[in-house]
C-alpha atoms as a PDB file:
ATOM      1  CA  UNK A   1      10.324 -41.583   3.329  1.00  0.00           C
ATOM      2  CA  UNK A   2       8.624 -43.173   0.263  1.00  0.00           C
ATOM      3  CA  UNK A   3      10.097 -42.494  -3.024  1.00  0.00           C
ATOM      4  CA  UNK A   4       8.111 -39.993  -5.261  1.00  0.00           C
ATOM      5  CA  UNK A   5       6.628 -41.060  -8.363  1.00  0.00           C
ATOM      6  CA  UNK A   6       8.158 -39.634 -11.601  1.00  0.00           C
ATOM      7  CA  UNK A   7       6.054 -41.060 -14.379  1.00  0.00           C
ATOM      8  CA  UNK A   8       2.327 -41.058 -14.026  1.00  0.00           C
ATOM      9  CA  UNK A   9      -0.127 -41.614 -16.649  1.00  0.00           C
ATOM     10  CA  UNK A  10      -3.834 -40.300 -15.970  1.00  0.00           C
ATOM     11  CA  UNK A  11      -6.194 -42.529 -18.048  1.00  0.00           C
ATOM     12  CA  UNK A  12      -9.864 -42.120 -18.606  1.00  0.00           C
ATOM     13  CA  UNK A  13     -12.851 -41.486 -20.967  1.00  0.00           C
ATOM     14  CA  UNK A  14     -13.610 -38.282 -22.312  1.00  0.00           C
ATOM     15  CA  UNK A  15     -14.991 -36.006 -19.651  1.00  0.00           C
ATOM     16  CA  UNK A  16     -13.926 -37.971 -16.769  1.00  0.00           C
ATOM     17  CA  UNK A  17     -11.786 -35.336 -15.288  1.00  0.00           C
ATOM     18  CA  UNK A  18      -8.011 -36.372 -16.240  1.00  0.00           C
ATOM     19  CA  UNK A  19      -7.178 -32.949 -17.747  1.00  0.00           C
ATOM     20  CA  UNK A  20      -8.335 -31.423 -14.463  1.00  0.00           C
ATOM     21  CA  UNK A  21      -6.329 -34.171 -12.398  1.00  0.00           C
ATOM     22  CA  UNK A  22      -3.408 -34.159 -14.362  1.00  0.00           C
ATOM     23  CA  UNK A  23      -1.958 -30.705 -14.114  1.00  0.00           C
ATOM     24  CA  UNK A  24      -2.608 -30.791 -10.161  1.00  0.00           C
ATOM     25  CA  UNK A  25      -0.759 -33.598  -9.660  1.00  0.00           C
ATOM     26  CA  UNK A  26       2.095 -32.592 -11.984  1.00  0.00           C
ATOM     27  CA  UNK A  27       2.084 -29.166  -9.921  1.00  0.00           C
ATOM     28  CA  UNK A  28       2.071 -30.909  -6.430  1.00  0.00           C
ATOM     29  CA  UNK A  29       4.866 -33.294  -7.375  1.00  0.00           C
ATOM     30  CA  UNK A  30       7.028 -30.429  -9.558  1.00  0.00           C
ATOM     31  CA  UNK A  31       6.789 -32.726 -12.715  1.00  0.00           C
ATOM     32  CA  UNK A  32       6.019 -31.734 -16.290  1.00  0.00           C
ATOM     33  CA  UNK A  33       2.488 -32.187 -17.339  1.00  0.00           C
ATOM     34  CA  UNK A  34       1.733 -33.334 -21.335  1.00  0.00           C
ATOM     35  CA  UNK A  35      -1.991 -33.620 -22.424  1.00  0.00           C
ATOM     36  CA  UNK A  36      -2.138 -36.015 -25.147  1.00  0.00           C
ATOM     37  CA  UNK A  37      -4.588 -34.231 -26.985  1.00  0.00           C
ATOM     38  CA  UNK A  38      -2.059 -31.239 -27.567  1.00  0.00           C
ATOM     39  CA  UNK A  39       0.495 -34.022 -28.987  1.00  0.00           C
ATOM     40  CA  UNK A  40      -2.195 -35.664 -31.422  1.00  0.00           C
ATOM     41  CA  UNK A  41      -4.169 -32.618 -32.363  1.00  0.00           C
ATOM     42  CA  UNK A  42      -3.323 -29.144 -34.031  1.00  0.00           C
ATOM     43  CA  UNK A  43      -5.112 -26.170 -33.928  1.00  0.00           C
ATOM     44  CA  UNK A  44      -8.908 -26.563 -35.248  1.00  0.00           C
ATOM     45  CA  UNK A  45      -8.729 -30.268 -34.258  1.00  0.00           C
ATOM     46  CA  UNK A  46      -6.731 -31.378 -37.132  1.00  0.00           C
ATOM     47  CA  UNK A  47      -5.328 -34.748 -36.406  1.00  0.00           C
ATOM     48  CA  UNK A  48      -1.580 -35.256 -36.404  1.00  0.00           C
ATOM     49  CA  UNK A  49      -0.529 -38.232 -38.594  1.00  0.00           C
ATOM     50  CA  UNK A  50      -0.130 -41.481 -36.345  1.00  0.00           C
ATOM     51  CA  UNK A  51       3.520 -41.944 -37.008  1.00  0.00           C
ATOM     52  CA  UNK A  52       4.157 -38.333 -35.732  1.00  0.00           C
ATOM     53  CA  UNK A  53       2.055 -38.749 -32.777  1.00  0.00           C
ATOM     54  CA  UNK A  54       4.029 -41.805 -31.826  1.00  0.00           C
ATOM     55  CA  UNK A  55       7.196 -39.931 -31.981  1.00  0.00           C
ATOM     56  CA  UNK A  56       5.946 -36.969 -30.115  1.00  0.00           C
ATOM     57  CA  UNK A  57       4.746 -39.262 -27.214  1.00  0.00           C
ATOM     58  CA  UNK A  58       7.691 -41.555 -27.240  1.00  0.00           C
ATOM     59  CA  UNK A  59       9.991 -38.543 -26.949  1.00  0.00           C
ATOM     60  CA  UNK A  60       8.056 -37.533 -23.825  1.00  0.00           C
ATOM     61  CA  UNK A  61       8.178 -41.289 -22.286  1.00  0.00           C
ATOM     62  CA  UNK A  62      11.787 -41.413 -22.765  1.00  0.00           C
ATOM     63  CA  UNK A  63      12.303 -38.342 -20.151  1.00  0.00           C
ATOM     64  CA  UNK A  64      12.736 -39.338 -16.623  1.00  0.00           C
ATOM     65  CA  UNK A  65       9.833 -37.601 -15.234  1.00  0.00           C
ATOM     66  CA  UNK A  66       6.307 -36.656 -16.875  1.00  0.00           C
ATOM     67  CA  UNK A  67       2.465 -36.786 -16.212  1.00  0.00           C
ATOM     68  CA  UNK A  68       0.378 -37.710 -19.237  1.00  0.00           C
ATOM     69  CA  UNK A  69      -3.209 -37.409 -19.606  1.00  0.00           C
ATOM     70  CA  UNK A  70      -4.729 -39.801 -22.182  1.00  0.00           C
ATOM     71  CA  UNK A  71      -7.834 -41.533 -23.420  1.00  0.00           C
ATOM     72  CA  UNK A  72      -6.349 -43.133 -26.238  1.00  0.00           C
ATOM     73  CA  UNK A  73      -5.698 -47.154 -26.386  1.00  0.00           C
ATOM     74  CA  UNK A  74      -3.030 -47.187 -29.150  1.00  0.00           C
END
């Protein structure tokens, strides 16, 4: 039996379908899903300062299992 992946990054340009695909994969594998948009933008599309963005994402990446969808290069 193949080991199940536990950390999956769905990366693509805006409109490519990553926010549709990521929760489907997470649901099928029983992993938590996080949209990077939710970590980098507050309500009303107010940008979170970059250092806080990095802290939020680093906290998730330190976990043993996750699915992230992102289009950000840094």
